[in-house]
Amino acid sequence: MLFPILVTGLFSGAVPQAGDTAPDFTVTDTDGRQHTLSELVTQGPVIVAFFPKAFTPG
């Protein structure tokens, strides 16, 4: 019973809340181009979304 409490405590600080500032990161798209969040926000608002296993089998 203690294990779930410890795991929850470890990750509770890592869960972003609405209104939090996203950390800067760089990703590569399916065409091999890299995109950096700090560069994208200079062009206007950015929506960051994550879809686990989207469009993948299993």
Protein backbone atom coordinates (compact mmCIF):
# COMPACT_ATOMS: atom_id res chain seq x y z
CA MET A 1 0.00 0.00 0.00
CA LEU A 2 2.95 2.32 0.58
CA PHE A 3 4.30 1.88 -2.96
CA PRO A 4 1.39 3.68 -4.76
CA ILE A 5 1.70 6.57 -2.33
CA LEU A 6 5.44 6.89 -3.00
CA VAL A 7 4.97 6.71 -6.76
CA THR A 8 2.21 9.31 -6.65
CA GLY A 9 4.45 11.58 -4.59
CA LEU A 10 7.31 11.24 -7.06
CA PHE A 11 5.21 12.28 -10.03
CA SER A 12 2.82 14.77 -8.48
CA GLY A 13 5.26 17.64 -8.98
CA ALA A 14 5.76 16.68 -12.63
CA VAL A 15 2.09 16.98 -13.59
CA PRO A 16 1.48 20.31 -15.32
CA GLN A 17 -1.51 22.35 -14.28
CA ALA A 18 -3.62 24.66 -16.43
CA GLY A 19 -1.81 27.95 -16.84
CA ASP A 20 1.69 26.57 -16.17
CA THR A 21 4.46 27.68 -18.51
CA ALA A 22 5.71 24.80 -20.64
CA PRO A 23 9.44 24.06 -20.52
CA ASP A 24 11.34 24.73 -23.74
CA PHE A 25 11.78 21.63 -25.90
CA THR A 26 12.66 20.59 -29.43
CA VAL A 27 10.83 17.90 -31.41
CA THR A 28 11.31 16.39 -34.85
CA ASP A 29 8.25 16.12 -37.08
CA THR A 30 7.46 13.31 -39.50
CA ASP A 31 9.29 15.16 -42.30
CA GLY A 32 12.51 15.35 -40.24
CA ARG A 33 12.21 19.08 -39.47
CA GLN A 34 12.97 20.25 -35.94
CA HIS A 35 10.68 22.62 -34.06
CA THR A 36 11.58 24.43 -30.83
CA LEU A 37 8.84 25.78 -28.58
CA SER A 38 10.67 29.04 -27.82
CA GLU A 39 10.94 29.75 -31.56
CA LEU A 40 7.31 28.85 -32.30
CA VAL A 41 5.88 31.22 -29.67
CA THR A 42 7.54 34.18 -31.42
CA GLN A 43 5.13 33.51 -34.32
CA GLY A 44 2.00 33.51 -32.14
CA PRO A 45 0.09 31.32 -29.69
CA VAL A 46 1.08 27.64 -29.55
CA ILE A 47 -1.05 24.71 -28.44
CA VAL A 48 0.93 21.76 -27.10
CA ALA A 49 -0.93 18.45 -27.30
CA PHE A 50 0.22 14.91 -26.65
CA PHE A 51 -1.59 11.87 -27.98
CA PRO A 52 -0.10 8.63 -26.65
CA LYS A 53 0.06 5.98 -29.32
CA ALA A 54 -1.92 8.12 -31.75
CA PHE A 55 -1.98 6.55 -35.19
CA THR A 56 0.18 3.64 -34.06
CA PRO A 57 -0.77 -0.02 -33.73
CA GLY A 58 -1.28 -1.49 -30.27
